[in-house]
N, C-alpha and C. Protein backbone atom coordinates (compact mmCIF):
# COMPACT_ATOMS: atom_id res chain seq x y z
N MET A 1 11.26 96.53 13.59
CA MET A 1 10.76 96.45 14.53
C MET A 1 12.05 95.54 15.67
N VAL A 2 12.67 95.73 16.73
CA VAL A 2 13.17 95.00 17.49
C VAL A 2 12.77 95.52 18.86
N GLY A 3 13.26 94.94 19.79
CA GLY A 3 11.91 94.29 21.30
C GLY A 3 13.47 93.90 22.37
N VAL A 4 13.16 94.50 22.70
CA VAL A 4 14.81 94.13 23.85
C VAL A 4 13.69 93.95 25.57
N GLU A 5 13.16 92.12 26.13
CA GLU A 5 13.22 92.28 27.45
C GLU A 5 13.96 92.76 28.91
N MET A 6 14.12 92.44 30.21
CA MET A 6 14.82 92.55 30.27
C MET A 6 14.07 92.53 32.33
N GLN A 7 14.70 91.06 32.82
CA GLN A 7 13.55 90.68 33.49
C GLN A 7 14.84 90.96 35.45
N TRP A 8 14.80 91.38 35.33
CA TRP A 8 15.27 92.05 37.72
C TRP A 8 14.99 91.26 38.49
N ASN A 9 15.23 90.15 38.97
CA ASN A 9 14.94 89.68 40.65
C ASN A 9 15.65 90.66 42.28
N LEU A 10 13.80 91.25 42.84
CA LEU A 10 14.72 91.78 43.43
C LEU A 10 14.95 91.09 44.16
N PHE A 11 14.95 90.12 44.73
CA PHE A 11 15.06 88.60 45.79
C PHE A 11 15.18 87.76 46.17
N SER A 12 16.27 87.23 45.60
CA SER A 12 16.69 85.37 45.05
C SER A 12 17.24 84.93 46.38
N GLY A 13 16.82 85.87 48.18
CA GLY A 13 17.63 85.02 48.72
C GLY A 13 17.45 83.81 49.32
N PHE A 14 16.37 83.59 49.15
CA PHE A 14 14.74 82.16 49.73
C PHE A 14 16.06 81.18 47.80
N SER A 15 15.47 81.25 47.69
CA SER A 15 16.13 80.22 45.98
C SER A 15 17.67 79.70 47.14
N ARG A 16 18.67 80.60 46.99
CA ARG A 16 19.85 80.39 47.77
C ARG A 16 19.72 79.60 49.02
N GLU A 17 19.19 79.72 50.10
CA GLU A 17 18.58 79.71 50.60
C GLU A 17 18.76 77.82 51.00
N LYS A 18 17.77 77.44 49.90
CA LYS A 18 17.31 76.81 50.27
C LYS A 18 17.94 75.53 49.48
N ARG A 19 19.23 76.35 48.87
CA ARG A 19 20.23 75.79 47.94
C ARG A 19 21.42 74.96 49.37
N VAL A 20 21.78 76.53 49.46
CA VAL A 20 22.56 76.36 51.07
C VAL A 20 22.80 75.20 51.55
N LYS A 21 20.91 75.52 52.39
CA LYS A 21 20.92 74.54 53.15
C LYS A 21 21.22 72.75 52.22
N ALA A 22 20.62 72.21 51.63
CA ALA A 22 20.63 71.17 50.91
C ALA A 22 21.64 70.79 50.70
N THR A 23 23.55 71.64 50.75
CA THR A 23 24.49 71.55 50.40
C THR A 23 24.72 70.69 51.61
N LYS A 24 24.37 71.30 53.20
CA LYS A 24 24.94 71.18 53.90
C LYS A 24 24.42 69.94 54.20
N GLN A 25 23.18 69.59 54.53
CA GLN A 25 22.11 68.41 54.51
C GLN A 25 23.45 67.81 53.92
N LEU A 26 23.91 67.69 52.70
CA LEU A 26 24.36 66.34 51.49
C LEU A 26 26.04 65.90 52.64
N VAL A 27 26.37 67.87 53.02
CA VAL A 27 28.00 67.00 53.58
C VAL A 27 27.79 66.59 55.05
N GLU A 28 26.55 66.93 55.72
CA GLU A 28 26.71 65.75 57.28
C GLU A 28 26.37 64.23 56.86
N GLU A 29 25.19 64.58 56.35
CA GLU A 29 25.44 63.05 55.42
C GLU A 29 26.00 62.29 54.95
N ALA A 30 26.58 62.66 54.47
CA ALA A 30 28.27 62.02 54.32
C ALA A 30 28.66 62.07 55.24
N ARG A 31 29.66 63.13 55.78
CA ARG A 31 30.79 62.64 56.95
C ARG A 31 29.76 62.31 57.79
N ILE A 32 28.12 62.04 58.10
CA ILE A 32 28.50 60.83 58.97
C ILE A 32 27.92 59.01 58.45
N ALA A 33 27.80 59.08 57.00
CA ALA A 33 28.08 57.82 55.93
C ALA A 33 29.77 57.37 56.66
N SER A 34 30.51 58.11 56.21
CA SER A 34 32.13 58.26 56.08
C SER A 34 33.00 57.31 58.35
N ASP A 35 32.02 57.69 58.66
CA ASP A 35 32.11 58.23 60.23
C ASP A 35 30.86 56.98 60.35
N ASN A 36 30.57 56.11 60.01
CA ASN A 36 29.84 54.88 59.76
C ASN A 36 30.52 53.89 59.39
N ALA A 37 31.43 53.97 58.39
CA ALA A 37 31.94 52.97 57.08
C ALA A 37 32.80 53.40 57.78
N GLN A 38 34.37 53.57 59.02
CA GLN A 38 35.15 53.55 59.12
C GLN A 38 35.14 52.84 60.75
N ALA A 39 34.29 52.91 61.54
CA ALA A 39 33.68 51.78 63.04
C ALA A 39 33.36 50.87 61.93
N LEU A 40 32.93 50.97 61.16
CA LEU A 40 32.03 49.66 60.33
C LEU A 40 33.91 48.68 60.77
N LEU A 41 34.84 49.38 59.22
CA LEU A 41 36.26 48.48 59.00
C LEU A 41 37.26 48.27 60.13
N GLU A 42 36.77 49.13 61.27
CA GLU A 42 37.26 49.17 62.74
C GLU A 42 36.71 48.62 63.33
N ALA A 43 35.34 48.21 63.55
CA ALA A 43 35.26 47.12 64.04
C ALA A 43 35.09 45.58 63.26
N SER A 44 35.29 45.39 62.26
CA SER A 44 35.42 44.40 61.62
C SER A 44 36.67 43.26 61.51
N ALA A 45 38.17 45.14 61.60
CA ALA A 45 39.76 45.10 62.27
C ALA A 45 39.67 43.72 63.16
N THR A 46 38.74 44.40 64.67
CA THR A 46 39.27 43.91 65.72
C THR A 46 39.05 43.29 66.25
N VAL A 47 37.66 42.12 65.11
CA VAL A 47 36.54 41.26 64.93
C VAL A 47 37.57 40.34 64.43
N VAL A 48 39.16 40.26 63.70
CA VAL A 48 39.76 39.73 62.68
C VAL A 48 40.86 39.60 63.17
N ARG A 49 40.85 39.91 63.54
CA ARG A 49 42.21 40.38 64.55
C ARG A 49 42.35 39.52 65.94
N ASN A 50 41.38 39.37 66.30
CA ASN A 50 40.88 38.23 67.82
C ASN A 50 41.46 37.38 66.99
N LYS A 51 41.00 37.15 66.48
CA LYS A 51 40.62 35.43 65.72
C LYS A 51 41.43 34.94 65.55
N VAL A 52 42.26 36.11 64.66
CA VAL A 52 44.23 35.66 64.30
C VAL A 52 44.15 35.00 65.46
N THR A 53 44.21 35.55 66.46
CA THR A 53 45.66 36.03 67.72
C THR A 53 44.59 34.61 68.41
N VAL A 54 43.99 34.59 68.86
CA VAL A 54 43.81 32.93 68.89
C VAL A 54 43.62 31.97 68.72
N LEU A 55 43.61 31.54 66.71
CA LEU A 55 44.45 31.17 66.03
C LEU A 55 46.00 30.58 66.01
N GLU A 56 46.63 32.14 66.34
CA GLU A 56 47.32 31.52 66.21
C GLU A 56 47.84 30.82 67.66
N ARG A 57 47.51 31.04 68.97
CA ARG A 57 47.50 30.65 70.09
C ARG A 57 47.53 29.09 69.91
N ASP A 58 46.38 28.45 69.29
CA ASP A 58 45.21 27.48 68.76
C ASP A 58 46.56 26.42 67.91
N LEU A 59 46.42 27.17 67.97
CA LEU A 59 48.23 26.45 66.33
C LEU A 59 49.29 25.75 67.33
N GLN A 60 49.26 27.06 67.82
CA GLN A 60 50.84 26.46 69.58
C GLN A 60 50.77 25.43 70.02
N SER A 61 48.82 24.95 70.49
CA SER A 61 48.87 23.89 71.38
C SER A 61 48.84 23.23 70.71
N LEU A 62 48.26 23.14 70.33
CA LEU A 62 48.17 21.89 68.63
C LEU A 62 49.92 21.30 68.72
N LEU A 63 50.41 21.88 67.67
CA LEU A 63 51.69 22.10 67.35
C LEU A 63 52.04 21.06 68.44
N LEU A 64 51.64 21.67 69.99
CA LEU A 64 52.66 20.90 70.70
C LEU A 64 52.93 19.47 70.92
N ALA A 65 50.89 18.87 70.93
CA ALA A 65 50.00 18.14 70.75
C ALA A 65 49.95 17.54 70.01
N ARG A 66 50.86 17.92 68.59
CA ARG A 66 51.21 16.97 67.64
C ARG A 66 52.53 16.37 68.17
N ASP A 67 53.36 17.06 68.36
CA ASP A 67 55.01 17.01 68.42
C ASP A 67 54.74 15.64 69.89
N GLN A 68 54.22 15.63 71.07
CA GLN A 68 53.66 15.03 72.34
C GLN A 68 52.62 13.05 71.23
N ALA A 69 52.20 14.06 70.35
CA ALA A 69 52.31 11.88 70.26
C ALA A 69 52.34 11.65 68.62
N GLN A 70 53.49 12.51 67.39
CA GLN A 70 54.67 11.53 67.92
C GLN A 70 55.27 10.94 68.56
N LEU A 71 55.55 11.70 69.68
CA LEU A 71 56.77 10.62 70.50
C LEU A 71 56.13 9.60 71.34
N THR A 72 54.97 9.90 71.58
CA THR A 72 54.15 8.85 71.96
C THR A 72 54.17 7.61 71.17
N THR A 73 53.79 7.72 69.55
CA THR A 73 53.35 7.36 69.16
C THR A 73 55.49 5.81 68.85
N THR A 74 56.25 7.11 68.89
CA THR A 74 57.85 6.71 68.83
C THR A 74 57.83 5.64 70.19
N GLN A 75 57.74 5.57 70.63
CA GLN A 75 57.60 5.06 72.15
C GLN A 75 56.94 4.40 72.15
N VAL A 76 55.91 4.07 71.84
CA VAL A 76 54.85 2.52 72.17
C VAL A 76 55.66 1.98 70.55
N GLN A 77 55.73 2.11 69.56
CA GLN A 77 56.77 1.58 69.36
C GLN A 77 57.89 0.72 69.40
N GLU A 78 58.97 1.66 70.26
CA GLU A 78 60.14 1.04 70.63
C GLU A 78 59.12 -0.57 71.46
N ARG A 79 58.46 0.13 72.98
CA ARG A 79 58.14 -0.64 73.86
C ARG A 79 56.88 -1.91 72.67
N LEU A 80 56.90 -1.61 71.65
CA LEU A 80 55.95 -2.92 71.54
C LEU A 80 57.05 -3.74 70.30
N ALA A 81 58.87 -2.66 70.09
CA ALA A 81 59.42 -3.51 69.49
C ALA A 81 59.95 -4.92 70.41
N GLU A 82 60.16 -4.36 72.79
CA GLU A 82 60.56 -5.07 73.37
C GLU A 82 59.51 -6.15 73.60
N GLN A 83 58.61 -6.04 72.96
CA GLN A 83 57.09 -6.61 73.39
C GLN A 83 56.56 -6.70 74.53
N LEU A 84 56.21 -5.34 74.78
CA LEU A 84 56.17 -5.48 75.66
C LEU A 84 54.80 -3.80 76.02
N ALA A 85 54.50 -3.85 74.54
CA ALA A 85 53.10 -3.60 74.15
C ALA A 85 52.05 -4.02 73.36
N SER A 86 50.78 -3.75 72.73
CA SER A 86 50.21 -4.90 72.06
C SER A 86 50.25 -4.12 70.44
N VAL A 87 49.87 -3.96 69.13
CA VAL A 87 50.00 -3.82 68.01
C VAL A 87 48.73 -2.56 68.56
N LYS A 88 47.56 -3.05 69.05
CA LYS A 88 46.48 -2.08 69.42
C LYS A 88 46.66 -0.73 69.83
N ASP A 89 48.33 -1.07 70.71
CA ASP A 89 48.19 -0.15 72.37
C ASP A 89 49.45 1.44 69.92
N VAL A 90 49.65 0.73 69.40
CA VAL A 90 50.24 1.21 68.24
C VAL A 90 50.02 1.96 67.32
N ASN A 91 48.07 0.98 67.23
CA ASN A 91 47.61 1.15 66.25
C ASN A 91 46.47 2.61 67.18
N GLU A 92 46.61 3.27 67.99
CA GLU A 92 45.60 3.60 68.30
C GLU A 92 47.38 5.28 69.14
N ALA A 93 48.15 5.00 69.14
CA ALA A 93 48.36 6.21 68.96
C ALA A 93 48.83 6.48 67.88
N LEU A 94 49.24 6.36 67.38
CA LEU A 94 49.14 6.15 65.47
C LEU A 94 48.12 7.12 64.95
N LEU A 95 46.99 6.80 65.30
CA LEU A 95 44.95 7.32 65.03
C LEU A 95 44.71 8.95 66.37
N VAL A 96 45.45 8.92 66.70
CA VAL A 96 45.42 9.92 68.10
C VAL A 96 46.41 10.87 67.20
N GLU A 97 48.43 10.64 66.56
CA GLU A 97 48.58 11.51 65.71
C GLU A 97 48.29 11.77 65.17
N GLU A 98 46.80 10.91 64.29
CA GLU A 98 46.15 11.51 62.78
C GLU A 98 45.39 12.43 62.80
N GLU A 99 44.57 12.37 64.42
CA GLU A 99 43.50 13.15 64.49
C GLU A 99 44.32 14.20 65.07
N LEU A 100 45.08 13.92 65.41
CA LEU A 100 45.78 15.53 66.20
C LEU A 100 47.23 16.74 65.10
N GLY A 101 47.32 15.63 63.69
CA GLY A 101 47.49 16.29 62.70
C GLY A 101 46.51 16.41 61.32
N LYS A 102 45.14 15.85 61.30
CA LYS A 102 43.74 17.16 61.01
C LYS A 102 43.46 17.95 62.11
N ALA A 103 43.82 18.52 63.25
CA ALA A 103 43.41 18.97 64.03
C ALA A 103 44.30 20.72 63.84
N TYR A 104 45.88 20.48 63.72
CA TYR A 104 46.79 21.11 63.58
C TYR A 104 46.37 21.89 61.93
N TYR A 105 46.45 20.81 60.94
CA TYR A 105 46.62 21.34 59.61
C TYR A 105 44.93 22.10 59.01
N THR A 106 44.00 21.36 60.73
CA THR A 106 42.63 22.53 60.36
C THR A 106 42.86 23.91 60.26
N ALA A 107 43.72 23.83 61.85
CA ALA A 107 43.35 25.35 62.56
C ALA A 107 44.19 26.38 61.61
N LEU A 108 46.20 25.12 61.20
CA LEU A 108 46.32 26.33 60.02
C LEU A 108 45.60 26.91 59.19
N PHE A 109 44.61 26.41 57.99
CA PHE A 109 43.95 27.09 57.18
C PHE A 109 43.16 28.10 57.95
N GLY A 110 42.55 27.67 58.40
CA GLY A 110 41.48 29.08 59.05
C GLY A 110 42.34 30.36 59.66
N TYR A 111 43.52 30.24 60.37
CA TYR A 111 44.23 30.80 60.42
C TYR A 111 44.80 31.59 59.97
N PHE A 112 45.57 30.14 58.18
CA PHE A 112 45.70 31.29 56.91
C PHE A 112 44.44 32.16 56.87
N LEU A 113 43.05 31.55 56.90
CA LEU A 113 42.28 32.77 55.75
C LEU A 113 41.08 33.92 57.35
N ALA A 114 42.13 33.45 58.27
CA ALA A 114 41.84 34.88 58.05
C ALA A 114 42.59 36.24 59.01
N ALA A 115 43.76 35.94 59.15
CA ALA A 115 45.07 36.69 57.88
C ALA A 115 44.48 37.28 57.04
N ALA A 116 44.43 36.24 55.54
CA ALA A 116 44.11 37.05 54.52
C ALA A 116 43.03 38.11 54.65
N GLU A 117 41.76 37.25 55.19
CA GLU A 117 40.44 39.03 55.52
C GLU A 117 41.35 40.00 55.66
N TYR A 118 42.43 40.00 57.65
CA TYR A 118 42.13 40.88 58.12
C TYR A 118 43.46 42.37 57.61
N TYR A 119 44.40 40.91 56.27
CA TYR A 119 44.88 41.75 55.24
C TYR A 119 44.39 42.35 54.30
N ASN A 120 42.83 42.27 54.12
CA ASN A 120 42.01 42.34 53.01
C ASN A 120 41.07 43.63 54.25
N LEU A 121 41.25 43.33 54.86
CA LEU A 121 40.69 44.46 55.55
C LEU A 121 41.50 45.42 54.76
N LEU A 122 43.24 45.75 55.49
CA LEU A 122 43.67 46.41 55.74
C LEU A 122 43.86 46.59 54.80
N GLY A 123 43.40 46.43 53.68
CA GLY A 123 44.04 46.75 52.43
C GLY A 123 45.24 47.25 51.54
N THR A 124 45.57 45.49 51.96
CA THR A 124 47.46 45.18 51.38
C THR A 124 46.83 42.93 51.05
N PRO A 125 45.49 43.31 50.41
CA PRO A 125 45.86 41.55 50.74
C PRO A 125 47.69 40.82 50.24
N GLN A 126 48.18 41.48 49.48
CA GLN A 126 49.07 41.11 48.36
C GLN A 126 50.28 40.17 50.50
N GLN A 127 50.57 40.86 51.16
CA GLN A 127 50.73 40.27 52.56
C GLN A 127 50.27 39.27 52.75
N ILE A 128 49.22 38.41 52.16
CA ILE A 128 49.21 36.94 52.89
C ILE A 128 50.13 36.34 52.53
N SER A 129 50.36 36.69 50.95
CA SER A 129 51.73 35.45 50.41
C SER A 129 52.49 35.92 50.95
N ALA A 130 53.21 36.10 51.39
CA ALA A 130 54.93 36.68 52.65
C ALA A 130 54.38 36.12 53.76
N LEU A 131 53.22 35.43 54.39
CA LEU A 131 52.88 35.14 55.39
C LEU A 131 52.43 34.17 55.32
N ILE A 132 52.06 32.73 53.63
CA ILE A 132 51.95 31.67 53.28
C ILE A 132 54.05 31.13 53.13
N GLN A 133 54.14 31.04 52.61
CA GLN A 133 55.42 31.50 51.87
C GLN A 133 56.72 30.90 53.85
């Protein structure tokens, strides 16, 4: 005895329609997630780019201030040699020069960190090594 069973669906439109609708929803969710990620990256890149710009300006200002402090220290030391200034004046000039040097190198470190963050966001973190050298 041999038996054969056959099944024939007359209408399967609803299940196909549900699959199509679910797929469309997934595609839309993926597009929204992609747009959100892109907007987040662009906003982060803008913030970091602004940080780098501000720190570049700070570095220029601090470099000029440090150079001026070195010049002032040299002038005060020359005046001390001619007995027109005291040791206290030289000490104060050296302290100001040291503090400006610390501020400059701290800003330089912050600049390198911000630049590294920026290059990392761009997807090219190896470019920071060219900037450091």
